[in-house]
Amino acid sequence: MLVERGLQVMNLEVVGDAYAIASNYLRKSGAVSGSLATNDRLLELIVGMFHRGEHNKIRLANRAIAKFEAAESC
């Protein structure tokens, strides 16, 4: 599904799938709580990378996981 946001068009399926992959991994690893509430910081990482041109859901998820874990360890 494509949604127009101003002049940008975002494929919500890619972003949603990448978020689901990343949040599932982070929940299982214990990096985020077990609640099903959306983690805004993780979602912002994924949306930001999507807007910068990354449209592969696996790469989005993996890079978001790496950035999220790096920020947590600081």
PDB file of N, CA and C in Angstrom:
ATOM      1  N   MET A   1       0.844  -1.169   0.000  1.00  0.00           N
ATOM      2  CA  MET A   1       0.000   0.000   0.000  1.00  0.00           C
ATOM      3  C   MET A   1       0.890   1.232   0.000  1.00  0.00           C
ATOM      4  N   LEU A   2       0.601   2.166  -0.864  1.00  0.00           N
ATOM      5  CA  LEU A   2       1.368   3.403  -0.920  1.00  0.00           C
ATOM      6  C   LEU A   2       0.551   4.522  -0.297  1.00  0.00           C
ATOM      7  N   VAL A   3       1.190   5.326   0.504  1.00  0.00           N
ATOM      8  CA  VAL A   3       0.531   6.455   1.147  1.00  0.00           C
ATOM      9  C   VAL A   3       1.317   7.703   0.805  1.00  0.00           C
ATOM     10  N   GLU A   4       0.614   8.722   0.330  1.00  0.00           N
ATOM     11  CA  GLU A   4       1.281   9.975  -0.021  1.00  0.00           C
ATOM     12  C   GLU A   4       1.420  10.824   1.231  1.00  0.00           C
ATOM     13  N   ARG A   5       2.632  11.293   1.477  1.00  0.00           N
ATOM     14  CA  ARG A   5       2.908  12.172   2.612  1.00  0.00           C
ATOM     15  C   ARG A   5       3.579  13.407   2.052  1.00  0.00           C
ATOM     16  N   GLY A   6       2.804  14.455   1.793  1.00  0.00           N
ATOM     17  CA  GLY A   6       3.352  15.627   1.149  1.00  0.00           C
ATOM     18  C   GLY A   6       3.757  15.241  -0.257  1.00  0.00           C
ATOM     19  N   LEU A   7       5.035  15.388  -0.579  1.00  0.00           N
ATOM     20  CA  LEU A   7       5.530  15.009  -1.890  1.00  0.00           C
ATOM     21  C   LEU A   7       6.171  13.630  -1.881  1.00  0.00           C
ATOM     22  N   GLN A   8       6.291  13.021  -0.708  1.00  0.00           N
ATOM     23  CA  GLN A   8       6.931  11.718  -0.599  1.00  0.00           C
ATOM     24  C   GLN A   8       5.875  10.624  -0.574  1.00  0.00           C
ATOM     25  N   VAL A   9       6.190   9.507  -1.160  1.00  0.00           N
ATOM     26  CA  VAL A   9       5.317   8.345  -1.127  1.00  0.00           C
ATOM     27  C   VAL A   9       6.043   7.253  -0.365  1.00  0.00           C
ATOM     28  N   MET A  10       5.344   6.639   0.578  1.00  0.00           N
ATOM     29  CA  MET A  10       5.975   5.634   1.416  1.00  0.00           C
ATOM     30  C   MET A  10       5.235   4.305   1.267  1.00  0.00           C
ATOM     31  N   ASN A  11       5.939   3.246   1.049  1.00  0.00           N
ATOM     32  CA  ASN A  11       5.376   1.911   0.978  1.00  0.00           C
ATOM     33  C   ASN A  11       5.266   1.385   2.406  1.00  0.00           C
ATOM     34  N   LEU A  12       4.054   1.398   2.939  1.00  0.00           N
ATOM     35  CA  LEU A  12       3.856   1.004   4.333  1.00  0.00           C
ATOM     36  C   LEU A  12       4.133  -0.479   4.569  1.00  0.00           C
ATOM     37  N   GLU A  13       3.987  -1.291   3.550  1.00  0.00           N
ATOM     38  CA  GLU A  13       4.233  -2.712   3.714  1.00  0.00           C
ATOM     39  C   GLU A  13       5.709  -2.978   4.011  1.00  0.00           C
ATOM     40  N   VAL A  14       6.606  -2.326   3.285  1.00  0.00           N
ATOM     41  CA  VAL A  14       8.045  -2.508   3.511  1.00  0.00           C
ATOM     42  C   VAL A  14       8.419  -2.027   4.907  1.00  0.00           C
ATOM     43  N   VAL A  15       7.958  -0.848   5.282  1.00  0.00           N
ATOM     44  CA  VAL A  15       8.267  -0.294   6.601  1.00  0.00           C
ATOM     45  C   VAL A  15       7.662  -1.174   7.697  1.00  0.00           C
ATOM     46  N   GLY A  16       6.430  -1.596   7.521  1.00  0.00           N
ATOM     47  CA  GLY A  16       5.771  -2.454   8.510  1.00  0.00           C
ATOM     48  C   GLY A  16       6.465  -3.796   8.677  1.00  0.00           C
ATOM     49  N   ASP A  17       6.844  -4.405   7.553  1.00  0.00           N
ATOM     50  CA  ASP A  17       7.542  -5.693   7.620  1.00  0.00           C
ATOM     51  C   ASP A  17       8.908  -5.544   8.294  1.00  0.00           C
ATOM     52  N   ALA A  18       9.636  -4.493   7.942  1.00  0.00           N
ATOM     53  CA  ALA A  18      10.951  -4.261   8.550  1.00  0.00           C
ATOM     54  C   ALA A  18      10.803  -4.032  10.053  1.00  0.00           C
ATOM     55  N   TYR A  19       9.789  -3.267  10.452  1.00  0.00           N
ATOM     56  CA  TYR A  19       9.559  -3.025  11.879  1.00  0.00           C
ATOM     57  C   TYR A  19       9.226  -4.336  12.593  1.00  0.00           C
ATOM     58  N   ALA A  20       8.371  -5.150  11.986  1.00  0.00           N
ATOM     59  CA  ALA A  20       7.979  -6.419  12.610  1.00  0.00           C
ATOM     60  C   ALA A  20       9.194  -7.327  12.809  1.00  0.00           C
ATOM     61  N   ILE A  21      10.051  -7.408  11.812  1.00  0.00           N
ATOM     62  CA  ILE A  21      11.261  -8.241  11.905  1.00  0.00           C
ATOM     63  C   ILE A  21      12.176  -7.730  13.012  1.00  0.00           C
ATOM     64  N   ALA A  22      12.444  -6.427  12.996  1.00  0.00           N
ATOM     65  CA  ALA A  22      13.369  -5.838  13.972  1.00  0.00           C
ATOM     66  C   ALA A  22      12.808  -5.914  15.391  1.00  0.00           C
ATOM     67  N   SER A  23      11.543  -5.568  15.565  1.00  0.00           N
ATOM     68  CA  SER A  23      10.984  -5.573  16.918  1.00  0.00           C
ATOM     69  C   SER A  23      10.885  -6.988  17.474  1.00  0.00           C
ATOM     70  N   ASN A  24      10.578  -7.960  16.633  1.00  0.00           N
ATOM     71  CA  ASN A  24      10.529  -9.350  17.081  1.00  0.00           C
ATOM     72  C   ASN A  24      11.902  -9.806  17.566  1.00  0.00           C
ATOM     73  N   TYR A  25      12.935  -9.502  16.792  1.00  0.00           N
ATOM     74  CA  TYR A  25      14.295  -9.863  17.194  1.00  0.00           C
ATOM     75  C   TYR A  25      14.679  -9.182  18.510  1.00  0.00           C
ATOM     76  N   LEU A  26      14.418  -7.877  18.599  1.00  0.00           N
ATOM     77  CA  LEU A  26      14.808  -7.129  19.790  1.00  0.00           C
ATOM     78  C   LEU A  26      14.033  -7.585  21.030  1.00  0.00           C
ATOM     79  N   ARG A  27      12.778  -7.982  20.861  1.00  0.00           N
ATOM     80  CA  ARG A  27      12.010  -8.511  21.984  1.00  0.00           C
ATOM     81  C   ARG A  27      12.606  -9.832  22.456  1.00  0.00           C
ATOM     82  N   LYS A  28      12.914 -10.713  21.494  1.00  0.00           N
ATOM     83  CA  LYS A  28      13.466 -12.027  21.860  1.00  0.00           C
ATOM     84  C   LYS A  28      14.855 -11.920  22.478  1.00  0.00           C
ATOM     85  N   SER A  29      15.616 -10.903  22.075  1.00  0.00           N
ATOM     86  CA  SER A  29      16.951 -10.722  22.639  1.00  0.00           C
ATOM     87  C   SER A  29      16.917  -9.985  23.980  1.00  0.00           C
ATOM     88  N   GLY A  30      15.760  -9.434  24.334  1.00  0.00           N
ATOM     89  CA  GLY A  30      15.615  -8.722  25.598  1.00  0.00           C
ATOM     90  C   GLY A  30      15.997  -7.256  25.531  1.00  0.00           C
ATOM     91  N   ALA A  31      16.274  -6.751  24.338  1.00  0.00           N
ATOM     92  CA  ALA A  31      16.674  -5.342  24.191  1.00  0.00           C
ATOM     93  C   ALA A  31      15.500  -4.388  24.371  1.00  0.00           C
ATOM     94  N   VAL A  32      14.287  -4.860  24.116  1.00  0.00           N
ATOM     95  CA  VAL A  32      13.081  -4.064  24.352  1.00  0.00           C
ATOM     96  C   VAL A  32      12.118  -4.894  25.175  1.00  0.00           C
ATOM     97  N   SER A  33      11.178  -4.224  25.811  1.00  0.00           N
ATOM     98  CA  SER A  33      10.222  -4.932  26.662  1.00  0.00           C
ATOM     99  C   SER A  33       9.356  -5.861  25.827  1.00  0.00           C
ATOM    100  N   GLY A  34       8.743  -6.800  26.486  1.00  0.00           N
ATOM    101  CA  GLY A  34       7.902  -7.784  25.818  1.00  0.00           C
ATOM    102  C   GLY A  34       6.543  -7.267  25.404  1.00  0.00           C
ATOM    103  N   SER A  35       6.250  -5.999  25.695  1.00  0.00           N
ATOM    104  CA  SER A  35       4.935  -5.462  25.336  1.00  0.00           C
ATOM    105  C   SER A  35       4.827  -5.308  23.824  1.00  0.00           C
ATOM    106  N   LEU A  36       3.615  -5.311  23.337  1.00  0.00           N
ATOM    107  CA  LEU A  36       3.382  -5.183  21.903  1.00  0.00           C
ATOM    108  C   LEU A  36       3.229  -3.730  21.464  1.00  0.00           C
ATOM    109  N   ALA A  37       3.473  -2.801  22.377  1.00  0.00           N
ATOM    110  CA  ALA A  37       3.401  -1.380  22.025  1.00  0.00           C
ATOM    111  C   ALA A  37       4.517  -1.028  21.050  1.00  0.00           C
ATOM    112  N   THR A  38       4.226  -0.109  20.144  1.00  0.00           N
ATOM    113  CA  THR A  38       5.204   0.311  19.141  1.00  0.00           C
ATOM    114  C   THR A  38       6.352   1.053  19.803  1.00  0.00           C
ATOM    115  N   ASN A  39       7.562   0.685  19.462  1.00  0.00           N
ATOM    116  CA  ASN A  39       8.745   1.380  19.950  1.00  0.00           C
ATOM    117  C   ASN A  39       9.029   2.519  18.977  1.00  0.00           C
ATOM    118  N   ASP A  40       8.754   3.737  19.409  1.00  0.00           N
ATOM    119  CA  ASP A  40       8.856   4.903  18.530  1.00  0.00           C
ATOM    120  C   ASP A  40      10.269   5.104  17.994  1.00  0.00           C
ATOM    121  N   ARG A  41      11.272   4.869  18.817  1.00  0.00           N
ATOM    122  CA  ARG A  41      12.656   5.081  18.374  1.00  0.00           C
ATOM    123  C   ARG A  41      13.030   4.110  17.252  1.00  0.00           C
ATOM    124  N   LEU A  42      12.632   2.868  17.382  1.00  0.00           N
ATOM    125  CA  LEU A  42      12.896   1.872  16.352  1.00  0.00           C
ATOM    126  C   LEU A  42      12.168   2.235  15.058  1.00  0.00           C
ATOM    127  N   LEU A  43      10.927   2.638  15.180  1.00  0.00           N
ATOM    128  CA  LEU A  43      10.153   3.019  13.995  1.00  0.00           C
ATOM    129  C   LEU A  43      10.765   4.235  13.304  1.00  0.00           C
ATOM    130  N   GLU A  44      11.223   5.199  14.082  1.00  0.00           N
ATOM    131  CA  GLU A  44      11.865   6.389  13.500  1.00  0.00           C
ATOM    132  C   GLU A  44      13.143   6.012  12.748  1.00  0.00           C
ATOM    133  N   LEU A  45      13.916   5.070  13.281  1.00  0.00           N
ATOM    134  CA  LEU A  45      15.126   4.610  12.590  1.00  0.00           C
ATOM    135  C   LEU A  45      14.770   4.016  11.228  1.00  0.00           C
ATOM    136  N   ILE A  46      13.763   3.170  11.209  1.00  0.00           N
ATOM    137  CA  ILE A  46      13.371   2.497   9.969  1.00  0.00           C
ATOM    138  C   ILE A  46      12.808   3.488   8.959  1.00  0.00           C
ATOM    139  N   VAL A  47      11.933   4.372   9.400  1.00  0.00           N
ATOM    140  CA  VAL A  47      11.345   5.360   8.488  1.00  0.00           C
ATOM    141  C   VAL A  47      12.423   6.291   7.948  1.00  0.00           C
ATOM    142  N   GLY A  48      13.357   6.692   8.788  1.00  0.00           N
ATOM    143  CA  GLY A  48      14.444   7.564   8.344  1.00  0.00           C
ATOM    144  C   GLY A  48      15.293   6.912   7.265  1.00  0.00           C
ATOM    145  N   MET A  49      15.641   5.639   7.466  1.00  0.00           N
ATOM    146  CA  MET A  49      16.429   4.934   6.458  1.00  0.00           C
ATOM    147  C   MET A  49      15.628   4.731   5.173  1.00  0.00           C
ATOM    148  N   PHE A  50      14.327   4.492   5.308  1.00  0.00           N
ATOM    149  CA  PHE A  50      13.470   4.340   4.133  1.00  0.00           C
ATOM    150  C   PHE A  50      13.462   5.632   3.317  1.00  0.00           C
ATOM    151  N   HIS A  51      13.344   6.758   3.996  1.00  0.00           N
ATOM    152  CA  HIS A  51      13.337   8.052   3.308  1.00  0.00           C
ATOM    153  C   HIS A  51      14.679   8.374   2.668  1.00  0.00           C
ATOM    154  N   ARG A  52      15.753   7.808   3.203  1.00  0.00           N
ATOM    155  CA  ARG A  52      17.077   8.023   2.615  1.00  0.00           C
ATOM    156  C   ARG A  52      17.357   7.068   1.454  1.00  0.00           C
ATOM    157  N   GLY A  53      16.410   6.190   1.123  1.00  0.00           N
ATOM    158  CA  GLY A  53      16.540   5.385  -0.074  1.00  0.00           C
ATOM    159  C   GLY A  53      16.651   3.883   0.098  1.00  0.00           C
ATOM    160  N   GLU A  54      16.676   3.394   1.335  1.00  0.00           N
ATOM    161  CA  GLU A  54      16.751   1.947   1.547  1.00  0.00           C
ATOM    162  C   GLU A  54      15.335   1.379   1.509  1.00  0.00           C
ATOM    163  N   HIS A  55      15.063   0.477   0.575  1.00  0.00           N
ATOM    164  CA  HIS A  55      13.713  -0.056   0.425  1.00  0.00           C
ATOM    165  C   HIS A  55      13.653  -1.574   0.560  1.00  0.00           C
ATOM    166  N   ASN A  56      14.745  -2.204   0.968  1.00  0.00           N
ATOM    167  CA  ASN A  56      14.770  -3.641   1.197  1.00  0.00           C
ATOM    168  C   ASN A  56      14.448  -3.894   2.670  1.00  0.00           C
ATOM    169  N   LYS A  57      13.368  -4.634   2.924  1.00  0.00           N
ATOM    170  CA  LYS A  57      12.903  -4.791   4.311  1.00  0.00           C
ATOM    171  C   LYS A  57      13.914  -5.515   5.204  1.00  0.00           C
ATOM    172  N   ILE A  58      14.658  -6.461   4.654  1.00  0.00           N
ATOM    173  CA  ILE A  58      15.643  -7.185   5.463  1.00  0.00           C
ATOM    174  C   ILE A  58      16.803  -6.268   5.841  1.00  0.00           C
ATOM    175  N   ARG A  59      17.306  -5.503   4.866  1.00  0.00           N
ATOM    176  CA  ARG A  59      18.392  -4.556   5.174  1.00  0.00           C
ATOM    177  C   ARG A  59      17.908  -3.480   6.142  1.00  0.00           C
ATOM    178  N   LEU A  60      16.675  -2.996   5.945  1.00  0.00           N
ATOM    179  CA  LEU A  60      16.128  -2.003   6.878  1.00  0.00           C
ATOM    180  C   LEU A  60      16.104  -2.562   8.300  1.00  0.00           C
ATOM    181  N   ALA A  61      15.591  -3.774   8.448  1.00  0.00           N
ATOM    182  CA  ALA A  61      15.491  -4.387   9.772  1.00  0.00           C
ATOM    183  C   ALA A  61      16.869  -4.593  10.386  1.00  0.00           C
ATOM    184  N   ASN A  62      17.804  -5.143   9.613  1.00  0.00           N
ATOM    185  CA  ASN A  62      19.142  -5.414  10.150  1.00  0.00           C
ATOM    186  C   ASN A  62      19.870  -4.138  10.552  1.00  0.00           C
ATOM    187  N   ARG A  63      19.784  -3.117   9.732  1.00  0.00           N
ATOM    188  CA  ARG A  63      20.453  -1.849  10.066  1.00  0.00           C
ATOM    189  C   ARG A  63      19.786  -1.167  11.253  1.00  0.00           C
ATOM    190  N   ALA A  64      18.464  -1.249  11.336  1.00  0.00           N
ATOM    191  CA  ALA A  64      17.766  -0.660  12.480  1.00  0.00           C
ATOM    192  C   ALA A  64      18.148  -1.381  13.771  1.00  0.00           C
ATOM    193  N   ILE A  65      18.249  -2.705  13.706  1.00  0.00           N
ATOM    194  CA  ILE A  65      18.669  -3.484  14.884  1.00  0.00           C
ATOM    195  C   ILE A  65      20.064  -3.056  15.319  1.00  0.00           C
ATOM    196  N   ALA A  66      20.975  -2.948  14.370  1.00  0.00           N
ATOM    197  CA  ALA A  66      22.359  -2.569  14.696  1.00  0.00           C
ATOM    198  C   ALA A  66      22.407  -1.180  15.321  1.00  0.00           C
ATOM    199  N   LYS A  67      21.687  -0.231  14.740  1.00  0.00           N
ATOM    200  CA  LYS A  67      21.685   1.135  15.285  1.00  0.00           C
ATOM    201  C   LYS A  67      21.016   1.183  16.656  1.00  0.00           C
ATOM    202  N   PHE A  68      19.931   0.441  16.820  1.00  0.00           N
ATOM    203  CA  PHE A  68      19.217   0.413  18.096  1.00  0.00           C
ATOM    204  C   PHE A  68      20.109  -0.163  19.187  1.00  0.00           C
ATOM    205  N   GLU A  69      20.761  -1.284  18.900  1.00  0.00           N
ATOM    206  CA  GLU A  69      21.631  -1.909  19.901  1.00  0.00           C
ATOM    207  C   GLU A  69      22.849  -1.049  20.201  1.00  0.00           C
ATOM    208  N   ALA A  70      23.386  -0.374  19.199  1.00  0.00           N
ATOM    209  CA  ALA A  70      24.537   0.497  19.423  1.00  0.00           C
ATOM    210  C   ALA A  70      24.156   1.654  20.343  1.00  0.00           C
ATOM    211  N   ALA A  71      22.978   2.215  20.156  1.00  0.00           N
ATOM    212  CA  ALA A  71      22.521   3.315  21.002  1.00  0.00           C
ATOM    213  C   ALA A  71      22.262   2.858  22.428  1.00  0.00           C
ATOM    214  N   GLU A  72      21.803   1.632  22.579  1.00  0.00           N
ATOM    215  CA  GLU A  72      21.530   1.081  23.911  1.00  0.00           C
ATOM    216  C   GLU A  72      22.809   0.821  24.695  1.00  0.00           C
ATOM    217  N   SER A  73      23.886   0.476  24.002  1.00  0.00           N
ATOM    218  CA  SER A  73      25.125   0.127  24.688  1.00  0.00           C
ATOM    219  C   SER A  73      25.931   1.354  25.125  1.00  0.00           C
ATOM    220  N   CYS A  74      25.560   2.525  24.634  1.00  0.00           N
ATOM    221  CA  CYS A  74      26.294   3.751  25.002  1.00  0.00           C
ATOM    222  C   CYS A  74      25.947   4.250  26.369  1.00  0.00           C
TER     223      CYS A  74
END
